[in-house]
Amino acid sequence: MNIEHKLLELKMAWTKRGYSFEYWIDPPGQVWSDFVHDVDELLVLVEGEIEFAGNRVRPNVGDEVLIPARTAHTVKNTGESANR
């Protein structure tokens, strides 16, 4: 299954669950520091490596990570290639 098909499946599944869908590609070393959202955020790693700073969570490809609303979080691409 190619990436575009995986993304379409995720978008449809998340829509059914009441989530919106956005897609990022981050280069190696990209850091998103101290973000806080007003709504719950659901993240799934499609390709590459990431780490959530503070608690050192490193999800595997396909794992979902729920970030509760109003929770500060930092995400870093820890791999040697882009992540999605």
PDB file of N, CA and C in Angstrom:
ATOM      1  N   MET A   1       0.854  -1.180   0.000  1.00  0.00           N
ATOM      2  CA  MET A   1       0.000   0.000   0.000  1.00  0.00           C
ATOM      3  C   MET A   1       0.898   1.241   0.000  1.00  0.00           C
ATOM      4  N   ASN A   2       0.622   2.192  -0.882  1.00  0.00           N
ATOM      5  CA  ASN A   2       1.456   3.389  -0.946  1.00  0.00           C
ATOM      6  C   ASN A   2       1.026   4.419   0.105  1.00  0.00           C
ATOM      7  N   ILE A   3       1.871   5.431   0.290  1.00  0.00           N
ATOM      8  CA  ILE A   3       1.634   6.456   1.309  1.00  0.00           C
ATOM      9  C   ILE A   3       0.306   7.176   1.088  1.00  0.00           C
ATOM     10  N   GLU A   4       0.010   7.543  -0.158  1.00  0.00           N
ATOM     11  CA  GLU A   4      -1.226   8.280  -0.434  1.00  0.00           C
ATOM     12  C   GLU A   4      -2.455   7.475  -0.024  1.00  0.00           C
ATOM     13  N   HIS A   5      -2.428   6.172  -0.264  1.00  0.00           N
ATOM     14  CA  HIS A   5      -3.550   5.317   0.125  1.00  0.00           C
ATOM     15  C   HIS A   5      -3.662   5.227   1.645  1.00  0.00           C
ATOM     16  N   LYS A   6      -2.524   5.091   2.339  1.00  0.00           N
ATOM     17  CA  LYS A   6      -2.532   5.058   3.804  1.00  0.00           C
ATOM     18  C   LYS A   6      -3.117   6.350   4.373  1.00  0.00           C
ATOM     19  N   LEU A   7      -2.713   7.478   3.779  1.00  0.00           N
ATOM     20  CA  LEU A   7      -3.199   8.772   4.263  1.00  0.00           C
ATOM     21  C   LEU A   7      -4.699   8.929   4.052  1.00  0.00           C
ATOM     22  N   LEU A   8      -5.186   8.490   2.919  1.00  0.00           N
ATOM     23  CA  LEU A   8      -6.626   8.555   2.652  1.00  0.00           C
ATOM     24  C   LEU A   8      -7.399   7.694   3.645  1.00  0.00           C
ATOM     25  N   GLU A   9      -6.899   6.497   3.928  1.00  0.00           N
ATOM     26  CA  GLU A   9      -7.554   5.631   4.920  1.00  0.00           C
ATOM     27  C   GLU A   9      -7.563   6.280   6.299  1.00  0.00           C
ATOM     28  N   LEU A  10      -6.431   6.872   6.704  1.00  0.00           N
ATOM     29  CA  LEU A  10      -6.374   7.554   7.997  1.00  0.00           C
ATOM     30  C   LEU A  10      -7.374   8.701   8.059  1.00  0.00           C
ATOM     31  N   LYS A  11      -7.414   9.504   7.010  1.00  0.00           N
ATOM     32  CA  LYS A  11      -8.321  10.653   6.994  1.00  0.00           C
ATOM     33  C   LYS A  11      -9.770  10.208   7.138  1.00  0.00           C
ATOM     34  N   MET A  12     -10.156   9.180   6.412  1.00  0.00           N
ATOM     35  CA  MET A  12     -11.541   8.687   6.494  1.00  0.00           C
ATOM     36  C   MET A  12     -11.838   8.124   7.880  1.00  0.00           C
ATOM     37  N   ALA A  13     -10.913   7.360   8.444  1.00  0.00           N
ATOM     38  CA  ALA A  13     -11.112   6.765   9.767  1.00  0.00           C
ATOM     39  C   ALA A  13     -11.203   7.844  10.839  1.00  0.00           C
ATOM     40  N   TRP A  14     -10.339   8.839  10.769  1.00  0.00           N
ATOM     41  CA  TRP A  14     -10.345   9.902  11.772  1.00  0.00           C
ATOM     42  C   TRP A  14     -11.588  10.766  11.650  1.00  0.00           C
ATOM     43  N   THR A  15     -12.051  11.003  10.451  1.00  0.00           N
ATOM     44  CA  THR A  15     -13.281  11.772  10.262  1.00  0.00           C
ATOM     45  C   THR A  15     -14.453  11.071  10.950  1.00  0.00           C
ATOM     46  N   LYS A  16     -14.518   9.750  10.808  1.00  0.00           N
ATOM     47  CA  LYS A  16     -15.575   8.975  11.477  1.00  0.00           C
ATOM     48  C   LYS A  16     -15.486   9.090  12.995  1.00  0.00           C
ATOM     49  N   ARG A  17     -14.272   9.281  13.515  1.00  0.00           N
ATOM     50  CA  ARG A  17     -14.057   9.388  14.961  1.00  0.00           C
ATOM     51  C   ARG A  17     -14.179  10.823  15.464  1.00  0.00           C
ATOM     52  N   GLY A  18     -14.421  11.771  14.551  1.00  0.00           N
ATOM     53  CA  GLY A  18     -14.616  13.154  14.952  1.00  0.00           C
ATOM     54  C   GLY A  18     -13.362  14.006  14.940  1.00  0.00           C
ATOM     55  N   TYR A  19     -12.274  13.528  14.349  1.00  0.00           N
ATOM     56  CA  TYR A  19     -11.029  14.287  14.267  1.00  0.00           C
ATOM     57  C   TYR A  19     -10.870  14.900  12.884  1.00  0.00           C
ATOM     58  N   SER A  20     -10.209  16.051  12.838  1.00  0.00           N
ATOM     59  CA  SER A  20      -9.798  16.612  11.551  1.00  0.00           C
ATOM     60  C   SER A  20      -8.473  15.929  11.173  1.00  0.00           C
ATOM     61  N   PHE A  21      -7.955  16.264  10.005  1.00  0.00           N
ATOM     62  CA  PHE A  21      -6.754  15.587   9.514  1.00  0.00           C
ATOM     63  C   PHE A  21      -5.827  16.600   8.864  1.00  0.00           C
ATOM     64  N   GLU A  22      -4.584  16.610   9.307  1.00  0.00           N
ATOM     65  CA  GLU A  22      -3.534  17.411   8.683  1.00  0.00           C
ATOM     66  C   GLU A  22      -2.331  16.501   8.497  1.00  0.00           C
ATOM     67  N   TYR A  23      -1.480  16.860   7.543  1.00  0.00           N
ATOM     68  CA  TYR A  23      -0.362  16.009   7.173  1.00  0.00           C
ATOM     69  C   TYR A  23       0.916  16.841   7.116  1.00  0.00           C
ATOM     70  N   TRP A  24       1.956  16.382   7.796  1.00  0.00           N
ATOM     71  CA  TRP A  24       3.246  17.074   7.801  1.00  0.00           C
ATOM     72  C   TRP A  24       4.346  16.148   7.341  1.00  0.00           C
ATOM     73  N   ILE A  25       5.332  16.732   6.707  1.00  0.00           N
ATOM     74  CA  ILE A  25       6.595  16.060   6.406  1.00  0.00           C
ATOM     75  C   ILE A  25       7.676  16.909   7.058  1.00  0.00           C
ATOM     76  N   ASP A  26       8.406  16.328   8.003  1.00  0.00           N
ATOM     77  CA  ASP A  26       9.433  17.066   8.730  1.00  0.00           C
ATOM     78  C   ASP A  26      10.815  16.529   8.388  1.00  0.00           C
ATOM     79  N   PRO A  27      11.779  17.419   8.118  1.00  0.00           N
ATOM     80  CA  PRO A  27      13.137  16.983   7.826  1.00  0.00           C
ATOM     81  C   PRO A  27      13.840  16.484   9.090  1.00  0.00           C
ATOM     82  N   PRO A  28      14.938  15.756   8.930  1.00  0.00           N
ATOM     83  CA  PRO A  28      15.698  15.306  10.102  1.00  0.00           C
ATOM     84  C   PRO A  28      16.046  16.487  11.006  1.00  0.00           C
ATOM     85  N   GLY A  29      15.887  16.283  12.307  1.00  0.00           N
ATOM     86  CA  GLY A  29      16.226  17.310  13.279  1.00  0.00           C
ATOM     87  C   GLY A  29      15.140  18.340  13.532  1.00  0.00           C
ATOM     88  N   GLN A  30      14.047  18.330  12.756  1.00  0.00           N
ATOM     89  CA  GLN A  30      12.952  19.293  12.971  1.00  0.00           C
ATOM     90  C   GLN A  30      12.400  19.143  14.384  1.00  0.00           C
ATOM     91  N   VAL A  31      12.227  20.262  15.067  1.00  0.00           N
ATOM     92  CA  VAL A  31      11.668  20.267  16.421  1.00  0.00           C
ATOM     93  C   VAL A  31      10.491  21.228  16.464  1.00  0.00           C
ATOM     94  N   TRP A  32       9.379  20.757  17.015  1.00  0.00           N
ATOM     95  CA  TRP A  32       8.207  21.591  17.295  1.00  0.00           C
ATOM     96  C   TRP A  32       8.152  21.719  18.811  1.00  0.00           C
ATOM     97  N   SER A  33       8.525  22.887  19.337  1.00  0.00           N
ATOM     98  CA  SER A  33       8.707  23.055  20.780  1.00  0.00           C
ATOM     99  C   SER A  33       7.499  23.672  21.473  1.00  0.00           C
ATOM    100  N   ASP A  34       7.165  23.076  22.612  1.00  0.00           N
ATOM    101  CA  ASP A  34       6.188  23.637  23.550  1.00  0.00           C
ATOM    102  C   ASP A  34       4.875  24.060  22.906  1.00  0.00           C
ATOM    103  N   PHE A  35       4.317  23.203  22.091  1.00  0.00           N
ATOM    104  CA  PHE A  35       3.021  23.474  21.474  1.00  0.00           C
ATOM    105  C   PHE A  35       1.901  23.132  22.440  1.00  0.00           C
ATOM    106  N   VAL A  36       0.846  23.929  22.405  1.00  0.00           N
ATOM    107  CA  VAL A  36      -0.362  23.684  23.194  1.00  0.00           C
ATOM    108  C   VAL A  36      -1.556  23.918  22.270  1.00  0.00           C
ATOM    109  N   HIS A  37      -2.483  22.968  22.257  1.00  0.00           N
ATOM    110  CA  HIS A  37      -3.680  23.082  21.431  1.00  0.00           C
ATOM    111  C   HIS A  37      -4.915  23.128  22.322  1.00  0.00           C
ATOM    112  N   ASP A  38      -5.970  23.777  21.846  1.00  0.00           N
ATOM    113  CA  ASP A  38      -7.219  23.872  22.609  1.00  0.00           C
ATOM    114  C   ASP A  38      -8.067  22.607  22.529  1.00  0.00           C
ATOM    115  N   VAL A  39      -7.715  21.707  21.622  1.00  0.00           N
ATOM    116  CA  VAL A  39      -8.461  20.461  21.443  1.00  0.00           C
ATOM    117  C   VAL A  39      -7.497  19.284  21.532  1.00  0.00           C
ATOM    118  N   ASP A  40      -8.047  18.097  21.775  1.00  0.00           N
ATOM    119  CA  ASP A  40      -7.209  16.901  21.757  1.00  0.00           C
ATOM    120  C   ASP A  40      -6.559  16.768  20.390  1.00  0.00           C
ATOM    121  N   GLU A  41      -5.319  16.299  20.368  1.00  0.00           N
ATOM    122  CA  GLU A  41      -4.603  16.076  19.117  1.00  0.00           C
ATOM    123  C   GLU A  41      -4.253  14.598  19.026  1.00  0.00           C
ATOM    124  N   LEU A  42      -4.530  14.020  17.887  1.00  0.00           N
ATOM    125  CA  LEU A  42      -4.208  12.617  17.638  1.00  0.00           C
ATOM    126  C   LEU A  42      -3.128  12.590  16.572  1.00  0.00           C
ATOM    127  N   LEU A  43      -2.047  11.882  16.848  1.00  0.00           N
ATOM    128  CA  LEU A  43      -0.922  11.834  15.934  1.00  0.00           C
ATOM    129  C   LEU A  43      -0.630  10.386  15.593  1.00  0.00           C
ATOM    130  N   VAL A  44      -0.306  10.118  14.346  1.00  0.00           N
ATOM    131  CA  VAL A  44       0.154   8.788  13.951  1.00  0.00           C
ATOM    132  C   VAL A  44       1.375   8.965  13.061  1.00  0.00           C
ATOM    133  N   LEU A  45       2.402   8.190  13.331  1.00  0.00           N
ATOM    134  CA  LEU A  45       3.618   8.205  12.529  1.00  0.00           C
ATOM    135  C   LEU A  45       3.423   7.258  11.352  1.00  0.00           C
ATOM    136  N   VAL A  46       3.524   7.811  10.132  1.00  0.00           N
ATOM    137  CA  VAL A  46       3.334   7.019   8.924  1.00  0.00           C
ATOM    138  C   VAL A  46       4.668   6.479   8.422  1.00  0.00           C
ATOM    139  N   GLU A  47       5.731   7.279   8.633  1.00  0.00           N
ATOM    140  CA  GLU A  47       7.054   6.900   8.121  1.00  0.00           C
ATOM    141  C   GLU A  47       8.104   7.699   8.886  1.00  0.00           C
ATOM    142  N   GLY A  48       9.212   7.087   9.252  1.00  0.00           N
ATOM    143  CA  GLY A  48      10.308   7.790   9.913  1.00  0.00           C
ATOM    144  C   GLY A  48      10.343   7.540  11.406  1.00  0.00           C
ATOM    145  N   GLU A  49      10.931   8.508  12.129  1.00  0.00           N
ATOM    146  CA  GLU A  49      11.093   8.398  13.579  1.00  0.00           C
ATOM    147  C   GLU A  49      10.764   9.734  14.236  1.00  0.00           C
ATOM    148  N   ILE A  50      10.097   9.677  15.390  1.00  0.00           N
ATOM    149  CA  ILE A  50       9.833  10.881  16.175  1.00  0.00           C
ATOM    150  C   ILE A  50       9.977  10.562  17.653  1.00  0.00           C
ATOM    151  N   GLU A  51      10.143  11.628  18.425  1.00  0.00           N
ATOM    152  CA  GLU A  51      10.206  11.498  19.882  1.00  0.00           C
ATOM    153  C   GLU A  51       9.442  12.661  20.492  1.00  0.00           C
ATOM    154  N   PHE A  52       8.693  12.357  21.530  1.00  0.00           N
ATOM    155  CA  PHE A  52       8.023  13.379  22.318  1.00  0.00           C
ATOM    156  C   PHE A  52       8.908  13.682  23.503  1.00  0.00           C
ATOM    157  N   ALA A  53       9.450  14.896  23.545  1.00  0.00           N
ATOM    158  CA  ALA A  53      10.364  15.286  24.611  1.00  0.00           C
ATOM    159  C   ALA A  53       9.647  15.297  25.948  1.00  0.00           C
ATOM    160  N   GLY A  54      10.435  15.172  26.981  1.00  0.00           N
ATOM    161  CA  GLY A  54       9.877  15.177  28.326  1.00  0.00           C
ATOM    162  C   GLY A  54       9.646  13.773  28.821  1.00  0.00           C
ATOM    163  N   ASN A  55       8.832  13.003  28.102  1.00  0.00           N
ATOM    164  CA  ASN A  55       8.571  11.636  28.541  1.00  0.00           C
ATOM    165  C   ASN A  55       9.219  10.604  27.630  1.00  0.00           C
ATOM    166  N   ARG A  56       9.956  11.056  26.639  1.00  0.00           N
ATOM    167  CA  ARG A  56      10.744  10.186  25.755  1.00  0.00           C
ATOM    168  C   ARG A  56       9.922   9.099  25.069  1.00  0.00           C
ATOM    169  N   VAL A  57       8.692   9.409  24.694  1.00  0.00           N
ATOM    170  CA  VAL A  57       7.860   8.468  23.956  1.00  0.00           C
ATOM    171  C   VAL A  57       8.348   8.443  22.514  1.00  0.00           C
ATOM    172  N   ARG A  58       8.613   7.261  21.989  1.00  0.00           N
ATOM    173  CA  ARG A  58       9.038   7.081  20.602  1.00  0.00           C
ATOM    174  C   ARG A  58       8.089   6.090  19.939  1.00  0.00           C
ATOM    175  N   PRO A  59       7.016   6.594  19.343  1.00  0.00           N
ATOM    176  CA  PRO A  59       6.058   5.678  18.728  1.00  0.00           C
ATOM    177  C   PRO A  59       6.645   4.974  17.511  1.00  0.00           C
ATOM    178  N   ASN A  60       6.154   3.789  17.257  1.00  0.00           N
ATOM    179  CA  ASN A  60       6.503   3.046  16.052  1.00  0.00           C
ATOM    180  C   ASN A  60       5.594   3.489  14.918  1.00  0.00           C
ATOM    181  N   VAL A  61       5.992   3.217  13.701  1.00  0.00           N
ATOM    182  CA  VAL A  61       5.143   3.517  12.547  1.00  0.00           C
ATOM    183  C   VAL A  61       3.791   2.842  12.760  1.00  0.00           C
ATOM    184  N   GLY A  62       2.726   3.605  12.594  1.00  0.00           N
ATOM    185  CA  GLY A  62       1.374   3.092  12.763  1.00  0.00           C
ATOM    186  C   GLY A  62       0.780   3.312  14.138  1.00  0.00           C
ATOM    187  N   ASP A  63       1.607   3.618  15.137  1.00  0.00           N
ATOM    188  CA  ASP A  63       1.096   3.871  16.486  1.00  0.00           C
ATOM    189  C   ASP A  63       0.390   5.218  16.544  1.00  0.00           C
ATOM    190  N   GLU A  64      -0.722   5.278  17.255  1.00  0.00           N
ATOM    191  CA  GLU A  64      -1.409   6.530  17.520  1.00  0.00           C
ATOM    192  C   GLU A  64      -0.966   7.070  18.871  1.00  0.00           C
ATOM    193  N   VAL A  65      -0.804   8.377  18.941  1.00  0.00           N
ATOM    194  CA  VAL A  65      -0.470   9.050  20.190  1.00  0.00           C
ATOM    195  C   VAL A  65      -1.519  10.132  20.412  1.00  0.00           C
ATOM    196  N   LEU A  66      -2.185  10.095  21.550  1.00  0.00           N
ATOM    197  CA  LEU A  66      -3.182  11.105  21.900  1.00  0.00           C
ATOM    198  C   LEU A  66      -2.525  12.147  22.799  1.00  0.00           C
ATOM    199  N   ILE A  67      -2.617  13.400  22.391  1.00  0.00           N
ATOM    200  CA  ILE A  67      -2.115  14.513  23.190  1.00  0.00           C
ATOM    201  C   ILE A  67      -3.340  15.282  23.666  1.00  0.00           C
ATOM    202  N   PRO A  68      -3.626  15.210  24.963  1.00  0.00           N
ATOM    203  CA  PRO A  68      -4.824  15.878  25.474  1.00  0.00           C
ATOM    204  C   PRO A  68      -4.784  17.392  25.263  1.00  0.00           C
ATOM    205  N   ALA A  69      -5.943  17.987  25.120  1.00  0.00           N
ATOM    206  CA  ALA A  69      -6.060  19.438  24.972  1.00  0.00           C
ATOM    207  C   ALA A  69      -5.328  20.142  26.101  1.00  0.00           C
ATOM    208  N   ARG A  70      -4.731  21.276  25.774  1.00  0.00           N
ATOM    209  CA  ARG A  70      -4.025  22.151  26.723  1.00  0.00           C
ATOM    210  C   ARG A  70      -2.821  21.488  27.381  1.00  0.00           C
ATOM    211  N   THR A  71      -2.223  20.494  26.712  1.00  0.00           N
ATOM    212  CA  THR A  71      -1.015  19.839  27.208  1.00  0.00           C
ATOM    213  C   THR A  71       0.173  20.302  26.372  1.00  0.00           C
ATOM    214  N   ALA A  72       1.152  20.948  27.010  1.00  0.00           N
ATOM    215  CA  ALA A  72       2.351  21.377  26.290  1.00  0.00           C
ATOM    216  C   ALA A  72       3.125  20.144  25.839  1.00  0.00           C
ATOM    217  N   HIS A  73       3.599  20.174  24.601  1.00  0.00           N
ATOM    218  CA  HIS A  73       4.350  19.040  24.077  1.00  0.00           C
ATOM    219  C   HIS A  73       5.385  19.508  23.053  1.00  0.00           C
ATOM    220  N   THR A  74       6.474  18.767  22.983  1.00  0.00           N
ATOM    221  CA  THR A  74       7.545  19.014  22.022  1.00  0.00           C
ATOM    222  C   THR A  74       7.765  17.735  21.250  1.00  0.00           C
ATOM    223  N   VAL A  75       7.839  17.859  19.919  1.00  0.00           N
ATOM    224  CA  VAL A  75       8.016  16.701  19.039  1.00  0.00           C
ATOM    225  C   VAL A  75       9.263  16.934  18.200  1.00  0.00           C
ATOM    226  N   LYS A  76      10.107  15.900  18.077  1.00  0.00           N
ATOM    227  CA  LYS A  76      11.347  16.022  17.318  1.00  0.00           C
ATOM    228  C   LYS A  76      11.499  14.845  16.357  1.00  0.00           C
ATOM    229  N   ASN A  77      11.918  15.142  15.131  1.00  0.00           N
ATOM    230  CA  ASN A  77      12.288  14.094  14.187  1.00  0.00           C
ATOM    231  C   ASN A  77      13.677  13.623  14.600  1.00  0.00           C
ATOM    232  N   THR A  78      13.771  12.419  15.110  1.00  0.00           N
ATOM    233  CA  THR A  78      15.050  11.870  15.591  1.00  0.00           C
ATOM    234  C   THR A  78      15.733  10.987  14.561  1.00  0.00           C
ATOM    235  N   GLY A  79      15.109  10.827  13.397  1.00  0.00           N
ATOM    236  CA  GLY A  79      15.669   9.967  12.372  1.00  0.00           C
ATOM    237  C   GLY A  79      16.643  10.679  11.459  1.00  0.00           C
ATOM    238  N   GLU A  80      17.178   9.923  10.520  1.00  0.00           N
ATOM    239  CA  GLU A  80      18.130  10.471   9.560  1.00  0.00           C
ATOM    240  C   GLU A  80      17.460  10.827   8.229  1.00  0.00           C
ATOM    241  N   SER A  81      16.140  10.650   8.174  1.00  0.00           N
ATOM    242  CA  SER A  81      15.396  11.015   6.973  1.00  0.00           C
ATOM    243  C   SER A  81      14.118  11.721   7.401  1.00  0.00           C
ATOM    244  N   ALA A  82      13.382  12.231   6.400  1.00  0.00           N
ATOM    245  CA  ALA A  82      12.128  12.921   6.704  1.00  0.00           C
ATOM    246  C   ALA A  82      11.153  11.949   7.357  1.00  0.00           C
ATOM    247  N   ASN A  83      10.274  12.506   8.185  1.00  0.00           N
ATOM    248  CA  ASN A  83       9.187  11.694   8.735  1.00  0.00           C
ATOM    249  C   ASN A  83       7.871  12.237   8.224  1.00  0.00           C
ATOM    250  N   ARG A  84       6.853  11.407   8.324  1.00  0.00           N
ATOM    251  CA  ARG A  84       5.503  11.797   7.901  1.00  0.00           C
ATOM    252  C   ARG A  84       4.549  11.410   9.010  1.00  0.00           C
TER     253      ARG A  84
END
